[in-house]
N, C-alpha and C. Protein backbone atom coordinates (compact mmCIF):
# COMPACT_ATOMS: atom_id res chain seq x y z
N UNK A 1 69.48 -83.70 -336.27
CA UNK A 1 67.89 -83.30 -336.66
C UNK A 1 67.73 -82.14 -337.56
N UNK A 2 67.29 -82.08 -338.54
CA UNK A 2 66.74 -80.98 -339.32
C UNK A 2 65.32 -80.46 -338.90
N UNK A 3 65.25 -79.27 -338.57
CA UNK A 3 64.12 -78.77 -338.16
C UNK A 3 63.16 -78.38 -339.47
N UNK A 4 63.98 -77.77 -340.35
CA UNK A 4 63.02 -77.26 -341.53
C UNK A 4 63.77 -77.84 -342.63
N UNK A 5 63.36 -79.41 -342.93
CA UNK A 5 63.93 -79.95 -344.30
C UNK A 5 63.85 -79.59 -345.58
N UNK A 6 62.12 -79.02 -345.82
CA UNK A 6 61.66 -78.85 -347.19
C UNK A 6 61.66 -77.24 -347.30
N UNK A 7 62.22 -76.49 -346.42
CA UNK A 7 62.03 -75.01 -346.47
C UNK A 7 63.38 -74.18 -347.00
N UNK A 8 62.94 -72.96 -347.52
CA UNK A 8 63.93 -71.83 -347.82
C UNK A 8 63.66 -70.99 -346.59
N UNK A 9 64.71 -70.76 -345.82
CA UNK A 9 64.69 -69.82 -344.80
C UNK A 9 64.15 -68.62 -345.03
N UNK A 10 63.02 -68.10 -344.37
CA UNK A 10 62.74 -66.60 -344.61
C UNK A 10 62.71 -65.90 -343.21
N UNK A 11 62.45 -64.52 -343.44
CA UNK A 11 62.33 -63.69 -342.30
C UNK A 11 61.52 -64.42 -341.31
N UNK A 12 60.19 -64.49 -341.73
CA UNK A 12 58.74 -64.80 -341.13
C UNK A 12 59.33 -66.36 -340.03
N UNK A 13 60.04 -67.15 -340.98
CA UNK A 13 60.51 -68.49 -340.14
C UNK A 13 61.54 -68.17 -338.96
N UNK A 14 62.34 -67.11 -339.30
CA UNK A 14 63.26 -66.61 -338.34
C UNK A 14 62.77 -66.16 -337.34
N UNK A 15 61.93 -64.84 -337.49
CA UNK A 15 61.08 -64.47 -336.43
C UNK A 15 60.07 -65.48 -335.59
N UNK A 16 59.47 -66.38 -336.41
CA UNK A 16 58.75 -67.39 -335.42
C UNK A 16 59.40 -68.48 -334.64
N UNK A 17 60.65 -68.69 -335.07
CA UNK A 17 61.59 -69.51 -334.49
C UNK A 17 62.16 -68.82 -333.05
N UNK A 18 62.58 -67.45 -333.31
CA UNK A 18 63.12 -66.81 -332.09
C UNK A 18 62.18 -66.69 -331.16
N UNK A 19 60.67 -66.56 -331.58
CA UNK A 19 59.69 -66.25 -330.80
C UNK A 19 59.28 -67.41 -329.76
N UNK A 20 59.82 -68.54 -330.40
CA UNK A 20 59.28 -69.77 -329.83
C UNK A 20 60.48 -70.72 -329.39
N UNK A 21 61.58 -70.10 -329.78
CA UNK A 21 62.89 -71.07 -329.02
C UNK A 21 63.66 -70.22 -328.14
N UNK A 22 64.20 -71.04 -327.33
CA UNK A 22 64.94 -70.32 -326.12
C UNK A 22 66.52 -70.24 -326.68
N UNK A 23 66.95 -69.48 -327.17
CA UNK A 23 68.48 -69.10 -327.75
C UNK A 23 69.38 -68.89 -326.48
N UNK A 24 70.25 -69.82 -326.59
CA UNK A 24 71.48 -69.76 -325.32
C UNK A 24 72.19 -68.86 -325.33
N UNK A 25 72.49 -68.27 -326.60
CA UNK A 25 73.35 -67.15 -326.73
C UNK A 25 72.63 -66.00 -326.89
N UNK A 26 73.22 -64.59 -326.94
CA UNK A 26 72.72 -63.73 -327.06
C UNK A 26 73.11 -62.68 -328.31
N UNK A 27 72.53 -62.22 -328.73
CA UNK A 27 72.96 -61.33 -329.83
C UNK A 27 73.77 -59.97 -329.58
N UNK A 28 74.68 -59.43 -330.49
CA UNK A 28 75.53 -58.42 -330.37
C UNK A 28 75.48 -57.56 -331.78
N UNK A 29 74.62 -57.87 -332.49
CA UNK A 29 74.39 -57.59 -333.85
C UNK A 29 72.72 -57.03 -333.81
N UNK A 30 72.77 -55.82 -334.39
CA UNK A 30 71.11 -55.13 -334.72
C UNK A 30 70.36 -55.73 -335.89
N UNK A 31 71.44 -55.94 -336.95
CA UNK A 31 70.73 -56.50 -338.10
C UNK A 31 71.27 -57.68 -338.90
N UNK A 32 70.68 -58.27 -339.48
CA UNK A 32 71.22 -59.60 -339.85
C UNK A 32 70.67 -59.78 -341.30
N UNK A 33 71.11 -60.63 -342.14
CA UNK A 33 70.83 -60.79 -343.39
C UNK A 33 70.26 -62.26 -343.88
N UNK A 34 68.87 -62.04 -344.35
CA UNK A 34 68.07 -63.40 -344.06
C UNK A 34 68.80 -64.24 -345.48
N UNK A 35 69.09 -63.82 -346.57
CA UNK A 35 69.91 -64.75 -347.46
C UNK A 35 71.01 -65.67 -347.09
N UNK A 36 71.84 -64.73 -346.38
CA UNK A 36 73.16 -65.41 -345.88
C UNK A 36 72.83 -66.47 -345.02
N UNK A 37 71.86 -66.09 -343.93
CA UNK A 37 70.99 -67.28 -342.96
C UNK A 37 71.09 -68.45 -343.92
N UNK A 38 69.85 -67.93 -345.06
CA UNK A 38 69.38 -69.34 -345.70
C UNK A 38 70.55 -70.00 -346.36
N UNK A 39 71.61 -69.33 -347.16
CA UNK A 39 72.70 -69.96 -347.59
C UNK A 39 73.40 -70.80 -346.60
N UNK A 40 73.62 -70.41 -345.63
CA UNK A 40 74.22 -71.10 -344.51
C UNK A 40 73.48 -72.36 -343.92
N UNK A 41 72.31 -72.10 -344.00
CA UNK A 41 71.31 -73.20 -343.40
C UNK A 41 71.29 -74.48 -344.52
N UNK A 42 71.28 -73.95 -345.92
CA UNK A 42 71.36 -74.90 -346.85
C UNK A 42 72.71 -75.86 -346.80
N UNK A 43 73.80 -75.15 -346.73
CA UNK A 43 74.77 -75.71 -346.76
C UNK A 43 74.90 -76.62 -345.55
N UNK A 44 74.85 -76.17 -344.32
CA UNK A 44 74.82 -77.16 -343.06
C UNK A 44 73.72 -78.34 -343.13
N UNK A 45 73.01 -77.97 -344.17
CA UNK A 45 71.83 -79.16 -344.21
C UNK A 45 72.77 -80.19 -345.08
N UNK A 46 73.54 -80.01 -345.79
CA UNK A 46 74.42 -80.87 -346.70
C UNK A 46 75.63 -81.44 -345.91
N UNK A 47 75.87 -80.79 -344.62
CA UNK A 47 77.33 -81.33 -344.20
C UNK A 47 78.19 -80.70 -344.29
N UNK A 48 78.27 -79.43 -344.89
CA UNK A 48 79.46 -78.37 -344.91
C UNK A 48 80.09 -78.15 -343.49
N UNK A 49 81.04 -78.08 -343.32
CA UNK A 49 81.66 -77.75 -341.87
C UNK A 49 81.71 -76.09 -342.02
N UNK A 50 81.44 -75.74 -340.92
CA UNK A 50 81.50 -74.09 -340.83
C UNK A 50 82.59 -73.81 -339.76
N UNK A 51 83.28 -73.05 -339.62
CA UNK A 51 84.22 -72.74 -338.52
C UNK A 51 83.27 -72.38 -337.37
N UNK A 52 84.21 -72.31 -335.99
CA UNK A 52 83.52 -72.12 -334.73
C UNK A 52 82.88 -70.38 -334.68
N UNK A 53 81.69 -70.33 -334.02
CA UNK A 53 81.77 -68.92 -333.93
C UNK A 53 82.52 -68.56 -332.37
N UNK A 54 82.62 -67.25 -332.29
CA UNK A 54 83.32 -66.84 -330.96
C UNK A 54 82.25 -66.00 -330.38
N UNK A 55 82.35 -66.52 -328.79
CA UNK A 55 81.51 -66.08 -327.83
C UNK A 55 82.45 -65.42 -326.90
N UNK A 56 81.65 -64.24 -326.29
CA UNK A 56 82.13 -64.03 -324.62
C UNK A 56 81.12 -64.09 -323.76
N UNK A 57 81.38 -65.26 -322.85
CA UNK A 57 80.25 -65.56 -321.74
C UNK A 57 79.00 -65.84 -322.57
N UNK A 58 77.77 -65.13 -322.62
CA UNK A 58 76.71 -65.69 -323.62
C UNK A 58 76.44 -64.97 -324.65
N UNK A 59 77.39 -64.09 -325.12
CA UNK A 59 77.33 -62.71 -326.14
C UNK A 59 78.07 -63.63 -327.24
N UNK A 60 77.50 -63.40 -328.45
CA UNK A 60 78.33 -63.83 -329.77
C UNK A 60 78.95 -62.67 -330.14
N UNK A 61 80.12 -62.80 -330.35
CA UNK A 61 81.03 -61.76 -330.66
C UNK A 61 81.18 -61.77 -332.31
N UNK A 62 81.24 -63.16 -332.93
CA UNK A 62 81.27 -63.18 -334.39
C UNK A 62 80.62 -64.77 -334.58
N UNK A 63 79.83 -64.46 -335.67
CA UNK A 63 79.11 -65.96 -335.94
C UNK A 63 77.70 -65.91 -335.91
N UNK A 64 77.10 -64.57 -335.68
CA UNK A 64 75.65 -64.74 -335.56
C UNK A 64 74.81 -65.34 -336.69
N UNK A 65 75.22 -65.11 -338.01
CA UNK A 65 74.47 -66.11 -339.10
C UNK A 65 74.80 -67.26 -338.96
N UNK A 66 76.08 -67.97 -338.78
CA UNK A 66 76.07 -69.25 -338.45
C UNK A 66 75.41 -69.99 -337.29
N UNK A 67 75.40 -68.94 -336.21
CA UNK A 67 74.56 -69.41 -335.02
C UNK A 67 72.96 -69.77 -335.24
N UNK A 68 72.55 -68.70 -336.06
CA UNK A 68 70.87 -69.00 -336.28
C UNK A 68 70.84 -69.97 -337.21
N UNK A 69 71.57 -70.29 -338.37
CA UNK A 69 71.28 -71.08 -339.13
C UNK A 69 71.52 -72.47 -338.64
N UNK A 70 72.51 -72.72 -337.81
CA UNK A 70 72.71 -73.82 -337.04
C UNK A 70 71.76 -74.52 -336.07
N UNK A 71 71.04 -73.41 -335.56
CA UNK A 71 69.95 -73.69 -334.33
C UNK A 71 68.65 -73.86 -335.31
N UNK A 72 68.32 -73.40 -336.73
CA UNK A 72 67.44 -73.82 -337.57
C UNK A 72 67.45 -75.18 -338.00
N UNK A 73 68.64 -75.50 -338.17
CA UNK A 73 68.75 -76.93 -338.95
C UNK A 73 69.45 -77.90 -337.88
N UNK A 74 69.35 -77.71 -336.50
CA UNK A 74 70.00 -78.88 -335.76
C UNK A 74 71.77 -78.90 -336.01
N UNK A 75 72.17 -78.30 -336.49
CA UNK A 75 73.60 -78.46 -336.99
C UNK A 75 74.51 -78.07 -335.52
N UNK A 76 75.36 -79.01 -335.26
CA UNK A 76 76.22 -78.57 -334.04
C UNK A 76 77.55 -77.77 -334.63
N UNK A 77 77.10 -76.63 -334.08
CA UNK A 77 78.42 -75.60 -334.20
C UNK A 77 79.56 -75.29 -333.08
N UNK A 78 80.88 -75.18 -333.31
CA UNK A 78 81.55 -75.48 -332.25
C UNK A 78 81.55 -73.68 -331.62
N UNK A 79 82.03 -73.53 -330.68
CA UNK A 79 82.24 -72.29 -329.81
C UNK A 79 83.80 -72.26 -329.42
N UNK A 80 84.18 -70.96 -329.52
CA UNK A 80 85.35 -70.71 -328.94
C UNK A 80 85.51 -69.48 -328.42
N UNK A 81 85.92 -69.24 -327.16
CA UNK A 81 85.93 -67.98 -326.40
C UNK A 81 86.72 -66.74 -327.21
N UNK A 82 86.27 -65.60 -326.73
CA UNK A 82 86.78 -64.55 -327.50
C UNK A 82 86.62 -63.30 -326.34
N UNK A 83 87.01 -62.19 -326.84
CA UNK A 83 87.05 -61.13 -326.18
C UNK A 83 86.09 -60.26 -326.46
N UNK A 84 85.85 -59.20 -325.74
CA UNK A 84 84.70 -58.39 -326.40
C UNK A 84 85.29 -56.98 -326.14
N UNK A 85 84.98 -56.12 -326.99
CA UNK A 85 85.16 -54.71 -326.75
C UNK A 85 84.35 -53.82 -326.15
N UNK A 86 84.67 -52.67 -325.65
CA UNK A 86 83.65 -51.64 -325.04
C UNK A 86 82.78 -51.39 -325.79
N UNK A 87 82.56 -51.58 -327.23
CA UNK A 87 81.26 -51.23 -328.18
C UNK A 87 80.32 -52.58 -328.08
N UNK A 88 80.86 -53.60 -327.38
CA UNK A 88 79.89 -54.74 -327.46
C UNK A 88 78.86 -54.46 -326.50
N UNK A 89 77.49 -54.64 -327.42
CA UNK A 89 76.19 -54.42 -326.63
C UNK A 89 75.23 -55.65 -326.93
N UNK A 90 74.82 -56.23 -325.54
CA UNK A 90 73.85 -57.31 -325.88
C UNK A 90 72.58 -56.63 -326.67
N UNK A 91 71.93 -57.43 -327.65
CA UNK A 91 70.95 -56.97 -328.31
C UNK A 91 69.61 -58.01 -328.29
N UNK A 92 68.72 -57.91 -328.05
CA UNK A 92 67.48 -58.78 -327.64
C UNK A 92 67.30 -59.40 -329.05
N UNK A 93 67.04 -60.50 -329.07
CA UNK A 93 66.63 -61.41 -330.45
C UNK A 93 65.37 -60.61 -330.98
N UNK A 94 64.60 -60.26 -330.11
CA UNK A 94 63.27 -59.55 -330.55
C UNK A 94 63.23 -58.17 -331.55
N UNK A 95 64.44 -57.71 -331.16
CA UNK A 95 64.55 -56.40 -331.69
C UNK A 95 65.64 -56.25 -333.02
N UNK A 96 66.09 -57.69 -333.36
CA UNK A 96 67.14 -57.81 -334.30
C UNK A 96 66.47 -57.39 -335.65
N UNK A 97 66.65 -56.70 -336.59
CA UNK A 97 66.20 -56.54 -337.85
C UNK A 97 66.88 -57.56 -338.73
N UNK A 98 65.88 -58.36 -339.56
CA UNK A 98 66.10 -59.19 -340.61
C UNK A 98 65.95 -58.80 -341.90
N UNK A 99 67.15 -58.48 -342.60
CA UNK A 99 67.01 -57.82 -343.82
C UNK A 99 66.69 -58.80 -344.75
N UNK A 100 65.82 -58.52 -345.52
CA UNK A 100 65.76 -59.56 -347.07
C UNK A 100 67.01 -59.25 -348.18
N UNK A 101 67.34 -58.04 -348.02
CA UNK A 101 68.12 -57.50 -349.04
C UNK A 101 69.36 -58.45 -348.82
N UNK A 102 69.88 -59.10 -350.03
CA UNK A 102 71.34 -59.72 -349.88
C UNK A 102 72.46 -58.89 -349.68
N UNK A 103 72.94 -58.85 -348.89
CA UNK A 103 74.27 -58.18 -348.42
C UNK A 103 75.45 -58.68 -349.30
N UNK A 104 75.28 -59.44 -349.80
CA UNK A 104 76.63 -60.39 -350.70
C UNK A 104 76.34 -59.87 -352.14
N UNK A 105 75.28 -59.64 -352.82
CA UNK A 105 74.91 -59.39 -353.78
C UNK A 105 75.63 -58.40 -354.38
N UNK A 106 75.94 -58.45 -356.00
CA UNK A 106 76.47 -57.28 -356.68
C UNK A 106 75.62 -56.15 -356.65
N UNK A 107 76.27 -54.92 -356.35
CA UNK A 107 74.95 -53.65 -356.35
C UNK A 107 75.02 -53.23 -357.83
């Protein structure tokens, strides 16, 4: 089920989604990139396969962008257990900063 079939994902859409959706997993990242989430969302909508995200209990260790994109478009993403480091700290989704600068763009 695609939740946002005709949209480009924006920071506002992400923030509104987080405010109304109960996310099963918790973030361990303080910042995320909106353009990366959007690209993954668009690819997931077309059925492109993405690798599993790595989790420890209910913490995302690797795959934050994939997780949010999958939740936004109803894509079933696999989860595999992982270890956490002593630096791994849960971050409330409401306090994650969603940057609109494309981290993958050439400088």
